PDB file of N, CA and C in Angstrom:
ATOM      1  N   MET A   1       0.992  -7.541  25.341  1.00  0.00           N
ATOM      2  CA  MET A   1       0.759  -6.377  24.529  1.00  0.00           C
ATOM      3  C   MET A   1       1.355  -5.140  25.185  1.00  0.00           C
ATOM      4  N   ASP A   2       1.264  -5.027  26.482  1.00  0.00           N
ATOM      5  CA  ASP A   2       1.819  -3.873  27.178  1.00  0.00           C
ATOM      6  C   ASP A   2       3.329  -3.800  26.988  1.00  0.00           C
ATOM      7  N   ALA A   3       4.009  -4.950  27.002  1.00  0.00           N
ATOM      8  CA  ALA A   3       5.462  -4.962  26.803  1.00  0.00           C
ATOM      9  C   ALA A   3       5.818  -4.454  25.405  1.00  0.00           C
ATOM     10  N   LEU A   4       5.040  -4.844  24.403  1.00  0.00           N
ATOM     11  CA  LEU A   4       5.273  -4.379  23.041  1.00  0.00           C
ATOM     12  C   LEU A   4       5.060  -2.871  22.949  1.00  0.00           C
ATOM     13  N   HIS A   5       4.008  -2.384  23.573  1.00  0.00           N
ATOM     14  CA  HIS A   5       3.742  -0.949  23.605  1.00  0.00           C
ATOM     15  C   HIS A   5       4.916  -0.206  24.241  1.00  0.00           C
ATOM     16  N   GLN A   6       5.444  -0.727  25.320  1.00  0.00           N
ATOM     17  CA  GLN A   6       6.574  -0.093  25.996  1.00  0.00           C
ATOM     18  C   GLN A   6       7.820  -0.088  25.109  1.00  0.00           C
ATOM     19  N   ARG A   7       8.045  -1.157  24.350  1.00  0.00           N
ATOM     20  CA  ARG A   7       9.198  -1.203  23.439  1.00  0.00           C
ATOM     21  C   ARG A   7       9.061  -0.150  22.350  1.00  0.00           C
ATOM     22  N   PHE A   8       7.859  -0.027  21.769  1.00  0.00           N
ATOM     23  CA  PHE A   8       7.624   1.011  20.756  1.00  0.00           C
ATOM     24  C   PHE A   8       7.867   2.387  21.352  1.00  0.00           C
ATOM     25  N   ARG A   9       7.334   2.612  22.519  1.00  0.00           N
ATOM     26  CA  ARG A   9       7.468   3.927  23.155  1.00  0.00           C
ATOM     27  C   ARG A   9       8.927   4.249  23.447  1.00  0.00           C
ATOM     28  N   ALA A  10       9.686   3.255  23.905  1.00  0.00           N
ATOM     29  CA  ALA A  10      11.104   3.468  24.198  1.00  0.00           C
ATOM     30  C   ALA A  10      11.888   3.743  22.914  1.00  0.00           C
ATOM     31  N   ALA A  11      11.545   3.029  21.848  1.00  0.00           N
ATOM     32  CA  ALA A  11      12.276   3.182  20.591  1.00  0.00           C
ATOM     33  C   ALA A  11      11.872   4.432  19.813  1.00  0.00           C
ATOM     34  N   LEU A  12      10.586   4.772  19.835  1.00  0.00           N
ATOM     35  CA  LEU A  12      10.082   5.834  18.971  1.00  0.00           C
ATOM     36  C   LEU A  12       9.616   7.076  19.713  1.00  0.00           C
ATOM     37  N   GLY A  13       9.475   6.985  21.005  1.00  0.00           N
ATOM     38  CA  GLY A  13       8.973   8.121  21.765  1.00  0.00           C
ATOM     39  C   GLY A  13       7.461   8.081  21.868  1.00  0.00           C
ATOM     40  N   SER A  14       6.916   8.886  22.739  1.00  0.00           N
ATOM     41  CA  SER A  14       5.474   8.857  22.983  1.00  0.00           C
ATOM     42  C   SER A  14       4.668   9.337  21.780  1.00  0.00           C
ATOM     43  N   ASP A  15       5.282  10.128  20.878  1.00  0.00           N
ATOM     44  CA  ASP A  15       4.557  10.592  19.696  1.00  0.00           C
ATOM     45  C   ASP A  15       4.161   9.444  18.780  1.00  0.00           C
ATOM     46  N   ALA A  16       4.856   8.319  18.866  1.00  0.00           N
ATOM     47  CA  ALA A  16       4.592   7.202  17.967  1.00  0.00           C
ATOM     48  C   ALA A  16       3.521   6.255  18.478  1.00  0.00           C
ATOM     49  N   GLN A  17       3.001   6.496  19.663  1.00  0.00           N
ATOM     50  CA  GLN A  17       1.966   5.583  20.145  1.00  0.00           C
ATOM     51  C   GLN A  17       0.778   5.643  19.195  1.00  0.00           C
ATOM     52  N   LEU A  18       0.113   4.565  19.060  1.00  0.00           N
ATOM     53  CA  LEU A  18      -0.995   4.454  18.120  1.00  0.00           C
ATOM     54  C   LEU A  18      -2.279   4.910  18.798  1.00  0.00           C
ATOM     55  N   ASP A  19      -2.515   6.208  18.742  1.00  0.00           N
ATOM     56  CA  ASP A  19      -3.761   6.748  19.269  1.00  0.00           C
ATOM     57  C   ASP A  19      -4.880   6.438  18.289  1.00  0.00           C
ATOM     58  N   LEU A  20      -5.987   5.984  18.803  1.00  0.00           N
ATOM     59  CA  LEU A  20      -7.132   5.731  17.938  1.00  0.00           C
ATOM     60  C   LEU A  20      -7.904   7.022  17.729  1.00  0.00           C
ATOM     61  N   PRO A  21      -8.593   7.142  16.597  1.00  0.00           N
ATOM     62  CA  PRO A  21      -9.381   8.360  16.368  1.00  0.00           C
ATOM     63  C   PRO A  21     -10.445   8.531  17.445  1.00  0.00           C
ATOM     64  N   THR A  22     -10.746   9.780  17.768  1.00  0.00           N
ATOM     65  CA  THR A  22     -11.778  10.061  18.765  1.00  0.00           C
ATOM     66  C   THR A  22     -13.079  10.486  18.102  1.00  0.00           C
ATOM     67  N   ARG A  23     -13.067  10.541  16.774  1.00  0.00           N
ATOM     68  CA  ARG A  23     -14.251  10.933  16.001  1.00  0.00           C
ATOM     69  C   ARG A  23     -14.173  10.222  14.656  1.00  0.00           C
ATOM     70  N   ARG A  24     -15.204  10.402  13.847  1.00  0.00           N
ATOM     71  CA  ARG A  24     -15.177   9.831  12.502  1.00  0.00           C
ATOM     72  C   ARG A  24     -14.046  10.462  11.698  1.00  0.00           C
ATOM     73  N   VAL A  25     -13.407   9.660  10.877  1.00  0.00           N
ATOM     74  CA  VAL A  25     -12.357  10.167  10.005  1.00  0.00           C
ATOM     75  C   VAL A  25     -12.985  11.136   9.003  1.00  0.00           C
ATOM     76  N   ASP A  26     -12.308  12.238   8.748  1.00  0.00           N
ATOM     77  CA  ASP A  26     -12.790  13.282   7.848  1.00  0.00           C
ATOM     78  C   ASP A  26     -11.890  13.325   6.616  1.00  0.00           C
ATOM     79  N   LEU A  27     -12.330  12.683   5.534  1.00  0.00           N
ATOM     80  CA  LEU A  27     -11.514  12.617   4.318  1.00  0.00           C
ATOM     81  C   LEU A  27     -11.290  13.980   3.681  1.00  0.00           C
ATOM     82  N   ALA A  28     -12.282  14.855   3.752  1.00  0.00           N
ATOM     83  CA  ALA A  28     -12.107  16.202   3.184  1.00  0.00           C
ATOM     84  C   ALA A  28     -11.017  16.956   3.947  1.00  0.00           C
ATOM     85  N   ALA A  29     -11.016  16.846   5.261  1.00  0.00           N
ATOM     86  CA  ALA A  29      -9.966  17.481   6.052  1.00  0.00           C
ATOM     87  C   ALA A  29      -8.621  16.821   5.763  1.00  0.00           C
ATOM     88  N   GLY A  30      -8.618  15.499   5.608  1.00  0.00           N
ATOM     89  CA  GLY A  30      -7.391  14.785   5.275  1.00  0.00           C
ATOM     90  C   GLY A  30      -6.810  15.235   3.950  1.00  0.00           C
ATOM     91  N   ARG A  31      -7.686  15.433   2.975  1.00  0.00           N
ATOM     92  CA  ARG A  31      -7.227  15.913   1.670  1.00  0.00           C
ATOM     93  C   ARG A  31      -6.617  17.306   1.793  1.00  0.00           C
ATOM     94  N   SER A  32      -7.291  18.174   2.516  1.00  0.00           N
ATOM     95  CA  SER A  32      -6.794  19.533   2.704  1.00  0.00           C
ATOM     96  C   SER A  32      -5.437  19.526   3.416  1.00  0.00           C
ATOM     97  N   LEU A  33      -5.314  18.744   4.472  1.00  0.00           N
ATOM     98  CA  LEU A  33      -4.054  18.645   5.197  1.00  0.00           C
ATOM     99  C   LEU A  33      -2.962  18.059   4.319  1.00  0.00           C
ATOM    100  N   TYR A  34      -3.303  17.035   3.545  1.00  0.00           N
ATOM    101  CA  TYR A  34      -2.337  16.417   2.635  1.00  0.00           C
ATOM    102  C   TYR A  34      -1.853  17.435   1.603  1.00  0.00           C
ATOM    103  N   GLU A  35      -2.783  18.129   0.981  1.00  0.00           N
ATOM    104  CA  GLU A  35      -2.400  19.101  -0.042  1.00  0.00           C
ATOM    105  C   GLU A  35      -1.534  20.208   0.544  1.00  0.00           C
ATOM    106  N   ARG A  36      -1.807  20.617   1.761  1.00  0.00           N
ATOM    107  CA  ARG A  36      -1.069  21.709   2.393  1.00  0.00           C
ATOM    108  C   ARG A  36       0.295  21.257   2.921  1.00  0.00           C
ATOM    109  N   ASN A  37       0.394  20.029   3.428  1.00  0.00           N
ATOM    110  CA  ASN A  37       1.606  19.608   4.132  1.00  0.00           C
ATOM    111  C   ASN A  37       2.415  18.499   3.462  1.00  0.00           C
ATOM    112  N   CYS A  38       1.810  17.746   2.569  1.00  0.00           N
ATOM    113  CA  CYS A  38       2.469  16.551   2.042  1.00  0.00           C
ATOM    114  C   CYS A  38       2.719  16.591   0.535  1.00  0.00           C
ATOM    115  N   ALA A  39       1.829  17.244  -0.191  1.00  0.00           N
ATOM    116  CA  ALA A  39       1.876  17.204  -1.656  1.00  0.00           C
ATOM    117  C   ALA A  39       3.132  17.842  -2.227  1.00  0.00           C
ATOM    118  N   SER A  40       3.742  18.776  -1.512  1.00  0.00           N
ATOM    119  CA  SER A  40       4.949  19.405  -2.052  1.00  0.00           C
ATOM    120  C   SER A  40       6.050  18.373  -2.286  1.00  0.00           C
ATOM    121  N   CYS A  41       6.083  17.319  -1.508  1.00  0.00           N
ATOM    122  CA  CYS A  41       7.063  16.237  -1.700  1.00  0.00           C
ATOM    123  C   CYS A  41       6.439  15.028  -2.401  1.00  0.00           C
ATOM    124  N   HIS A  42       5.297  14.570  -1.892  1.00  0.00           N
ATOM    125  CA  HIS A  42       4.695  13.332  -2.391  1.00  0.00           C
ATOM    126  C   HIS A  42       3.857  13.529  -3.648  1.00  0.00           C
ATOM    127  N   GLY A  43       3.555  14.771  -4.024  1.00  0.00           N
ATOM    128  CA  GLY A  43       2.742  15.044  -5.207  1.00  0.00           C
ATOM    129  C   GLY A  43       1.262  14.994  -4.889  1.00  0.00           C
ATOM    130  N   LEU A  44       0.472  15.692  -5.702  1.00  0.00           N
ATOM    131  CA  LEU A  44      -0.974  15.756  -5.454  1.00  0.00           C
ATOM    132  C   LEU A  44      -1.641  14.389  -5.488  1.00  0.00           C
ATOM    133  N   THR A  45      -1.151  13.494  -6.324  1.00  0.00           N
ATOM    134  CA  THR A  45      -1.748  12.159  -6.410  1.00  0.00           C
ATOM    135  C   THR A  45      -0.906  11.101  -5.711  1.00  0.00           C
ATOM    136  N   GLY A  46       0.108  11.537  -4.957  1.00  0.00           N
ATOM    137  CA  GLY A  46       0.906  10.603  -4.173  1.00  0.00           C
ATOM    138  C   GLY A  46       1.934   9.827  -4.953  1.00  0.00           C
ATOM    139  N   LEU A  47       2.371  10.340  -6.103  1.00  0.00           N
ATOM    140  CA  LEU A  47       3.329   9.603  -6.927  1.00  0.00           C
ATOM    141  C   LEU A  47       4.781   9.964  -6.628  1.00  0.00           C
ATOM    142  N   GLY A  48       5.019  10.759  -5.585  1.00  0.00           N
ATOM    143  CA  GLY A  48       6.385  11.128  -5.222  1.00  0.00           C
ATOM    144  C   GLY A  48       6.975  12.183  -6.135  1.00  0.00           C
ATOM    145  N   ASP A  49       6.096  12.905  -6.824  1.00  0.00           N
ATOM    146  CA  ASP A  49       6.558  13.844  -7.850  1.00  0.00           C
ATOM    147  C   ASP A  49       6.237  15.299  -7.533  1.00  0.00           C
ATOM    148  N   GLY A  50       6.162  15.631  -6.248  1.00  0.00           N
ATOM    149  CA  GLY A  50       5.912  17.014  -5.865  1.00  0.00           C
ATOM    150  C   GLY A  50       7.102  17.896  -6.211  1.00  0.00           C
ATOM    151  N   PRO A  51       6.898  19.209  -6.313  1.00  0.00           N
ATOM    152  CA  PRO A  51       7.979  20.109  -6.709  1.00  0.00           C
ATOM    153  C   PRO A  51       9.184  20.078  -5.762  1.00  0.00           C
ATOM    154  N   ALA A  52       8.982  19.809  -4.481  1.00  0.00           N
ATOM    155  CA  ALA A  52      10.099  19.757  -3.533  1.00  0.00           C
ATOM    156  C   ALA A  52      10.866  18.441  -3.615  1.00  0.00           C
ATOM    157  N   ALA A  53      10.349  17.459  -4.336  1.00  0.00           N
ATOM    158  CA  ALA A  53      10.974  16.141  -4.406  1.00  0.00           C
ATOM    159  C   ALA A  53      12.223  16.109  -5.275  1.00  0.00           C
ATOM    160  N   LYS A  54      12.353  17.072  -6.167  1.00  0.00           N
ATOM    161  CA  LYS A  54      13.504  17.092  -7.082  1.00  0.00           C
ATOM    162  C   LYS A  54      14.802  17.161  -6.294  1.00  0.00           C
ATOM    163  N   GLY A  55      15.657  16.193  -6.523  1.00  0.00           N
ATOM    164  CA  GLY A  55      16.954  16.144  -5.870  1.00  0.00           C
ATOM    165  C   GLY A  55      16.939  15.634  -4.451  1.00  0.00           C
ATOM    166  N   MET A  56      15.771  15.252  -3.944  1.00  0.00           N
ATOM    167  CA  MET A  56      15.663  14.769  -2.572  1.00  0.00           C
ATOM    168  C   MET A  56      16.269  13.363  -2.486  1.00  0.00           C
ATOM    169  N   GLU A  57      17.080  13.130  -1.448  1.00  0.00           N
ATOM    170  CA  GLU A  57      17.684  11.821  -1.222  1.00  0.00           C
ATOM    171  C   GLU A  57      17.338  11.321   0.162  1.00  0.00           C
ATOM    172  N   PRO A  58      16.733  10.200   0.291  1.00  0.00           N
ATOM    173  CA  PRO A  58      16.113   9.438  -0.790  1.00  0.00           C
ATOM    174  C   PRO A  58      14.855  10.142  -1.281  1.00  0.00           C
ATOM    175  N   ALA A  59      14.451   9.781  -2.481  1.00  0.00           N
ATOM    176  CA  ALA A  59      13.244  10.369  -3.070  1.00  0.00           C
ATOM    177  C   ALA A  59      12.017   9.955  -2.264  1.00  0.00           C
ATOM    178  N   PRO A  60      11.005  10.822  -2.198  1.00  0.00           N
ATOM    179  CA  PRO A  60       9.775  10.446  -1.486  1.00  0.00           C
ATOM    180  C   PRO A  60       9.120   9.238  -2.153  1.00  0.00           C
ATOM    181  N   PRO A  61       8.621   8.313  -1.372  1.00  0.00           N
ATOM    182  CA  PRO A  61       7.959   7.153  -1.987  1.00  0.00           C
ATOM    183  C   PRO A  61       6.631   7.549  -2.633  1.00  0.00           C
ATOM    184  N   ALA A  62       6.246   6.765  -3.597  1.00  0.00           N
ATOM    185  CA  ALA A  62       4.966   6.968  -4.290  1.00  0.00           C
ATOM    186  C   ALA A  62       3.861   6.362  -3.440  1.00  0.00           C
ATOM    187  N   ILE A  63       3.472   7.070  -2.396  1.00  0.00           N
ATOM    188  CA  ILE A  63       2.491   6.550  -1.442  1.00  0.00           C
ATOM    189  C   ILE A  63       1.097   6.401  -2.041  1.00  0.00           C
ATOM    190  N   GLY A  64       0.885   6.955  -3.219  1.00  0.00           N
ATOM    191  CA  GLY A  64      -0.404   6.817  -3.889  1.00  0.00           C
ATOM    192  C   GLY A  64      -0.468   5.603  -4.804  1.00  0.00           C
ATOM    193  N   ARG A  65       0.623   4.871  -4.910  1.00  0.00           N
ATOM    194  CA  ARG A  65       0.648   3.654  -5.734  1.00  0.00           C
ATOM    195  C   ARG A  65       0.551   2.442  -4.832  1.00  0.00           C
ATOM    196  N   HIS A  66      -0.428   1.623  -5.097  1.00  0.00           N
ATOM    197  CA  HIS A  66      -0.676   0.455  -4.253  1.00  0.00           C
ATOM    198  C   HIS A  66       0.548  -0.446  -4.167  1.00  0.00           C
ATOM    199  N   ASP A  67       1.200  -0.706  -5.292  1.00  0.00           N
ATOM    200  CA  ASP A  67       2.331  -1.633  -5.275  1.00  0.00           C
ATOM    201  C   ASP A  67       3.529  -1.074  -4.511  1.00  0.00           C
ATOM    202  N   ALA A  68       3.637   0.231  -4.386  1.00  0.00           N
ATOM    203  CA  ALA A  68       4.765   0.834  -3.680  1.00  0.00           C
ATOM    204  C   ALA A  68       4.616   0.740  -2.167  1.00  0.00           C
ATOM    205  N   VAL A  69       3.386   0.682  -1.684  1.00  0.00           N
ATOM    206  CA  VAL A  69       3.157   0.678  -0.234  1.00  0.00           C
ATOM    207  C   VAL A  69       2.167  -0.410   0.185  1.00  0.00           C
ATOM    208  N   ALA A  70       2.097  -1.473  -0.581  1.00  0.00           N
ATOM    209  CA  ALA A  70       1.123  -2.530  -0.298  1.00  0.00           C
ATOM    210  C   ALA A  70       1.304  -3.133   1.091  1.00  0.00           C
ATOM    211  N   ASP A  71       2.533  -3.170   1.586  1.00  0.00           N
ATOM    212  CA  ASP A  71       2.797  -3.779   2.888  1.00  0.00           C
ATOM    213  C   ASP A  71       2.760  -2.786   4.044  1.00  0.00           C
ATOM    214  N   VAL A  72       2.398  -1.534   3.761  1.00  0.00           N
ATOM    215  CA  VAL A  72       2.352  -0.506   4.803  1.00  0.00           C
ATOM    216  C   VAL A  72       0.924  -0.416   5.334  1.00  0.00           C
ATOM    217  N   SER A  73       0.739  -0.847   6.548  1.00  0.00           N
ATOM    218  CA  SER A  73      -0.588  -0.819   7.163  1.00  0.00           C
ATOM    219  C   SER A  73      -0.951   0.608   7.553  1.00  0.00           C
ATOM    220  N   PRO A  74      -2.230   0.895   7.745  1.00  0.00           N
ATOM    221  CA  PRO A  74      -2.606   2.220   8.237  1.00  0.00           C
ATOM    222  C   PRO A  74      -1.935   2.562   9.571  1.00  0.00           C
ATOM    223  N   GLY A  75      -1.764   1.584  10.447  1.00  0.00           N
ATOM    224  CA  GLY A  75      -1.096   1.836  11.726  1.00  0.00           C
ATOM    225  C   GLY A  75       0.353   2.255  11.544  1.00  0.00           C
ATOM    226  N   LEU A  76       1.058   1.588  10.642  1.00  0.00           N
ATOM    227  CA  LEU A  76       2.444   1.961  10.365  1.00  0.00           C
ATOM    228  C   LEU A  76       2.498   3.324   9.697  1.00  0.00           C
ATOM    229  N   MET A  77       1.590   3.592   8.772  1.00  0.00           N
ATOM    230  CA  MET A  77       1.543   4.898   8.116  1.00  0.00           C
ATOM    231  C   MET A  77       1.304   5.992   9.156  1.00  0.00           C
ATOM    232  N   TYR A  78       0.423   5.734  10.107  1.00  0.00           N
ATOM    233  CA  TYR A  78       0.157   6.697  11.182  1.00  0.00           C
ATOM    234  C   TYR A  78       1.443   7.000  11.952  1.00  0.00           C
ATOM    235  N   ARG A  79       2.173   5.959  12.299  1.00  0.00           N
ATOM    236  CA  ARG A  79       3.415   6.152  13.055  1.00  0.00           C
ATOM    237  C   ARG A  79       4.442   6.931  12.240  1.00  0.00           C
ATOM    238  N   ILE A  80       4.507   6.665  10.940  1.00  0.00           N
ATOM    239  CA  ILE A  80       5.430   7.398  10.072  1.00  0.00           C
ATOM    240  C   ILE A  80       5.049   8.876  10.039  1.00  0.00           C
ATOM    241  N   VAL A  81       3.761   9.159   9.886  1.00  0.00           N
ATOM    242  CA  VAL A  81       3.304  10.549   9.887  1.00  0.00           C
ATOM    243  C   VAL A  81       3.615  11.193  11.239  1.00  0.00           C
ATOM    244  N   ALA A  82       3.485  10.441  12.306  1.00  0.00           N
ATOM    245  CA  ALA A  82       3.713  10.985  13.647  1.00  0.00           C
ATOM    246  C   ALA A  82       5.179  11.307  13.903  1.00  0.00           C
ATOM    247  N   VAL A  83       6.083  10.373  13.615  1.00  0.00           N
ATOM    248  CA  VAL A  83       7.481  10.550  14.009  1.00  0.00           C
ATOM    249  C   VAL A  83       8.444  10.736  12.850  1.00  0.00           C
ATOM    250  N   GLY A  84       8.000  10.522  11.621  1.00  0.00           N
ATOM    251  CA  GLY A  84       8.882  10.661  10.482  1.00  0.00           C
ATOM    252  C   GLY A  84       9.735   9.418  10.288  1.00  0.00           C
ATOM    253  N   ILE A  85      10.723   9.551   9.401  1.00  0.00           N
ATOM    254  CA  ILE A  85      11.638   8.443   9.132  1.00  0.00           C
ATOM    255  C   ILE A  85      13.056   8.983   9.245  1.00  0.00           C
ATOM    256  N   ASN A  86      13.770   8.476  10.220  1.00  0.00           N
ATOM    257  CA  ASN A  86      15.133   8.918  10.475  1.00  0.00           C
ATOM    258  C   ASN A  86      16.015   8.697   9.241  1.00  0.00           C
ATOM    259  N   GLY A  87      16.858   9.657   8.939  1.00  0.00           N
ATOM    260  CA  GLY A  87      17.774   9.538   7.810  1.00  0.00           C
ATOM    261  C   GLY A  87      17.162   9.918   6.480  1.00  0.00           C
ATOM    262  N   THR A  88      15.926  10.424   6.505  1.00  0.00           N
ATOM    263  CA  THR A  88      15.250  10.860   5.284  1.00  0.00           C
ATOM    264  C   THR A  88      14.679  12.261   5.526  1.00  0.00           C
ATOM    265  N   PRO A  89      14.218  12.919   4.482  1.00  0.00           N
ATOM    266  CA  PRO A  89      13.576  14.226   4.680  1.00  0.00           C
ATOM    267  C   PRO A  89      12.187  14.151   5.324  1.00  0.00           C
ATOM    268  N   MET A  90      11.652  12.935   5.519  1.00  0.00           N
ATOM    269  CA  MET A  90      10.323  12.788   6.099  1.00  0.00           C
ATOM    270  C   MET A  90      10.348  13.133   7.583  1.00  0.00           C
ATOM    271  N   ALA A  91       9.769  14.297   7.897  1.00  0.00           N
ATOM    272  CA  ALA A  91       9.711  14.767   9.279  1.00  0.00           C
ATOM    273  C   ALA A  91       8.471  14.217   9.975  1.00  0.00           C
ATOM    274  N   GLY A  92       8.506  14.195  11.284  1.00  0.00           N
ATOM    275  CA  GLY A  92       7.337  13.823  12.068  1.00  0.00           C
ATOM    276  C   GLY A  92       6.395  15.011  12.219  1.00  0.00           C
ATOM    277  N   TRP A  93       5.095  14.702  12.275  1.00  0.00           N
ATOM    278  CA  TRP A  93       4.070  15.743  12.341  1.00  0.00           C
ATOM    279  C   TRP A  93       3.291  15.743  13.638  1.00  0.00           C
ATOM    280  N   ALA A  94       3.722  14.968  14.629  1.00  0.00           N
ATOM    281  CA  ALA A  94       2.963  14.868  15.877  1.00  0.00           C
ATOM    282  C   ALA A  94       2.856  16.203  16.605  1.00  0.00           C
ATOM    283  N   SER A  95       3.844  17.057  16.457  1.00  0.00           N
ATOM    284  CA  SER A  95       3.774  18.345  17.150  1.00  0.00           C
ATOM    285  C   SER A  95       2.953  19.375  16.383  1.00  0.00           C
ATOM    286  N   VAL A  96       2.571  19.031  15.143  1.00  0.00           N
ATOM    287  CA  VAL A  96       1.819  19.955  14.293  1.00  0.00           C
ATOM    288  C   VAL A  96       0.365  19.506  14.116  1.00  0.00           C
ATOM    289  N   LEU A  97       0.178  18.207  13.943  1.00  0.00           N
ATOM    290  CA  LEU A  97      -1.157  17.653  13.684  1.00  0.00           C
ATOM    291  C   LEU A  97      -1.630  16.844  14.882  1.00  0.00           C
ATOM    292  N   SER A  98      -2.891  16.986  15.216  1.00  0.00           N
ATOM    293  CA  SER A  98      -3.464  16.168  16.282  1.00  0.00           C
ATOM    294  C   SER A  98      -3.559  14.718  15.806  1.00  0.00           C
ATOM    295  N   ALA A  99      -3.814  13.815  16.731  1.00  0.00           N
ATOM    296  CA  ALA A  99      -3.975  12.405  16.368  1.00  0.00           C
ATOM    297  C   ALA A  99      -5.112  12.240  15.357  1.00  0.00           C
ATOM    298  N   ASP A 100      -6.229  12.919  15.565  1.00  0.00           N
ATOM    299  CA  ASP A 100      -7.344  12.817  14.625  1.00  0.00           C
ATOM    300  C   ASP A 100      -6.950  13.346  13.248  1.00  0.00           C
ATOM    301  N   GLU A 101      -6.199  14.433  13.197  1.00  0.00           N
ATOM    302  CA  GLU A 101      -5.760  14.968  11.905  1.00  0.00           C
ATOM    303  C   GLU A 101      -4.808  14.002  11.207  1.00  0.00           C
ATOM    304  N   ARG A 102      -3.940  13.336  11.974  1.00  0.00           N
ATOM    305  CA  ARG A 102      -3.044  12.336  11.369  1.00  0.00           C
ATOM    306  C   ARG A 102      -3.851  11.188  10.782  1.00  0.00           C
ATOM    307  N   TRP A 103      -4.904  10.753  11.476  1.00  0.00           N
ATOM    308  CA  TRP A 103      -5.759   9.693  10.931  1.00  0.00           C
ATOM    309  C   TRP A 103      -6.488  10.189   9.669  1.00  0.00           C
ATOM    310  N   ASP A 104      -6.880  11.453   9.645  1.00  0.00           N
ATOM    311  CA  ASP A 104      -7.511  12.010   8.448  1.00  0.00           C
ATOM    312  C   ASP A 104      -6.559  11.914   7.259  1.00  0.00           C
ATOM    313  N   VAL A 105      -5.296  12.299   7.465  1.00  0.00           N
ATOM    314  CA  VAL A 105      -4.300  12.251   6.385  1.00  0.00           C
ATOM    315  C   VAL A 105      -4.061  10.809   5.946  1.00  0.00           C
ATOM    316  N   VAL A 106      -3.853   9.923   6.893  1.00  0.00           N
ATOM    317  CA  VAL A 106      -3.608   8.510   6.568  1.00  0.00           C
ATOM    318  C   VAL A 106      -4.785   7.939   5.782  1.00  0.00           C
ATOM    319  N   SER A 107      -5.985   8.240   6.206  1.00  0.00           N
ATOM    320  CA  SER A 107      -7.174   7.730   5.505  1.00  0.00           C
ATOM    321  C   SER A 107      -7.256   8.299   4.096  1.00  0.00           C
ATOM    322  N   TYR A 108      -6.947   9.579   3.943  1.00  0.00           N
ATOM    323  CA  TYR A 108      -6.955  10.173   2.600  1.00  0.00           C
ATOM    324  C   TYR A 108      -5.889   9.522   1.719  1.00  0.00           C
ATOM    325  N   VAL A 109      -4.699   9.301   2.247  1.00  0.00           N
ATOM    326  CA  VAL A 109      -3.647   8.648   1.463  1.00  0.00           C
ATOM    327  C   VAL A 109      -4.111   7.266   1.005  1.00  0.00           C
ATOM    328  N   ASN A 110      -4.833   6.557   1.851  1.00  0.00           N
ATOM    329  CA  ASN A 110      -5.348   5.241   1.447  1.00  0.00           C
ATOM    330  C   ASN A 110      -6.329   5.352   0.291  1.00  0.00           C
ATOM    331  N   THR A 111      -7.050   6.476   0.168  1.00  0.00           N
ATOM    332  CA  THR A 111      -7.941   6.635  -0.985  1.00  0.00           C
ATOM    333  C   THR A 111      -7.144   6.825  -2.268  1.00  0.00           C
ATOM    334  N   LEU A 112      -5.948   7.393  -2.175  1.00  0.00           N
ATOM    335  CA  LEU A 112      -5.104   7.560  -3.364  1.00  0.00           C
ATOM    336  C   LEU A 112      -4.727   6.204  -3.935  1.00  0.00           C
ATOM    337  N   ARG A 113      -4.413   5.268  -3.060  1.00  0.00           N
ATOM    338  CA  ARG A 113      -4.078   3.908  -3.500  1.00  0.00           C
ATOM    339  C   ARG A 113      -5.256   3.271  -4.219  1.00  0.00           C
ATOM    340  N   GLY A 114      -6.456   3.493  -3.695  1.00  0.00           N
ATOM    341  CA  GLY A 114      -7.657   2.920  -4.293  1.00  0.00           C
ATOM    342  C   GLY A 114      -7.963   3.502  -5.669  1.00  0.00           C
ATOM    343  N   ARG A 115      -7.666   4.775  -5.861  1.00  0.00           N
ATOM    344  CA  ARG A 115      -7.909   5.410  -7.170  1.00  0.00           C
ATOM    345  C   ARG A 115      -7.036   4.787  -8.242  1.00  0.00           C
ATOM    346  N   GLU A 116      -5.797   4.500  -7.901  1.00  0.00           N
ATOM    347  CA  GLU A 116      -4.905   3.895  -8.880  1.00  0.00           C
ATOM    348  C   GLU A 116      -5.441   2.525  -9.299  1.00  0.00           C
ATOM    349  N   ARG A 117      -5.880   1.743  -8.347  1.00  0.00           N
ATOM    350  CA  ARG A 117      -6.401   0.401  -8.656  1.00  0.00           C
ATOM    351  C   ARG A 117      -7.684   0.497  -9.459  1.00  0.00           C
ATOM    352  N   ALA A 118      -8.534   1.479  -9.153  1.00  0.00           N
ATOM    353  CA  ALA A 118      -9.771   1.659  -9.901  1.00  0.00           C
ATOM    354  C   ALA A 118      -9.465   2.061 -11.341  1.00  0.00           C
ATOM    355  N   ALA A 119      -8.448   2.881 -11.528  1.00  0.00           N
ATOM    356  CA  ALA A 119      -8.069   3.312 -12.878  1.00  0.00           C
ATOM    357  C   ALA A 119      -7.532   2.150 -13.692  1.00  0.00           C
ATOM    358  N   GLN A 120      -6.987   1.151 -13.017  1.00  0.00           N
ATOM    359  CA  GLN A 120      -6.476  -0.022 -13.713  1.00  0.00           C
ATOM    360  C   GLN A 120      -7.567  -1.051 -13.966  1.00  0.00           C
ATOM    361  N   GLY A 121      -8.781  -0.754 -13.533  1.00  0.00           N
ATOM    362  CA  GLY A 121      -9.914  -1.640 -13.792  1.00  0.00           C
ATOM    363  C   GLY A 121     -10.113  -2.725 -12.768  1.00  0.00           C
ATOM    364  N   GLU A 122      -9.511  -2.611 -11.613  1.00  0.00           N
ATOM    365  CA  GLU A 122      -9.700  -3.635 -10.574  1.00  0.00           C
ATOM    366  C   GLU A 122     -10.951  -3.364  -9.779  1.00  0.00           C
TER     367      GLU A 122
END
């Protein structure tokens, strides 16, 4: 496991390490952070339809749709929020958000996926 951790760190930098939360996840704070920092691209409900998304290449993924991100684990989502995605407009937030705040955002995004499934009657 240590060798794998070292490979991740070498490839992604120390910001991508998977820090565990140091407190309970705060969904209300996650929602606030998401609305302030993410919704302009990903949209309020995570459908990739935020006002800044127009003309963006590649377009922001619909992170609020279960089928669009079904294979994205919370750990991978955390790393994406931390370091961003090279070659896309998705910037890393590790220098702006603490590890706990990143977990708040990731947890809130996971609730968006659940709302879509609930609306479909699952």
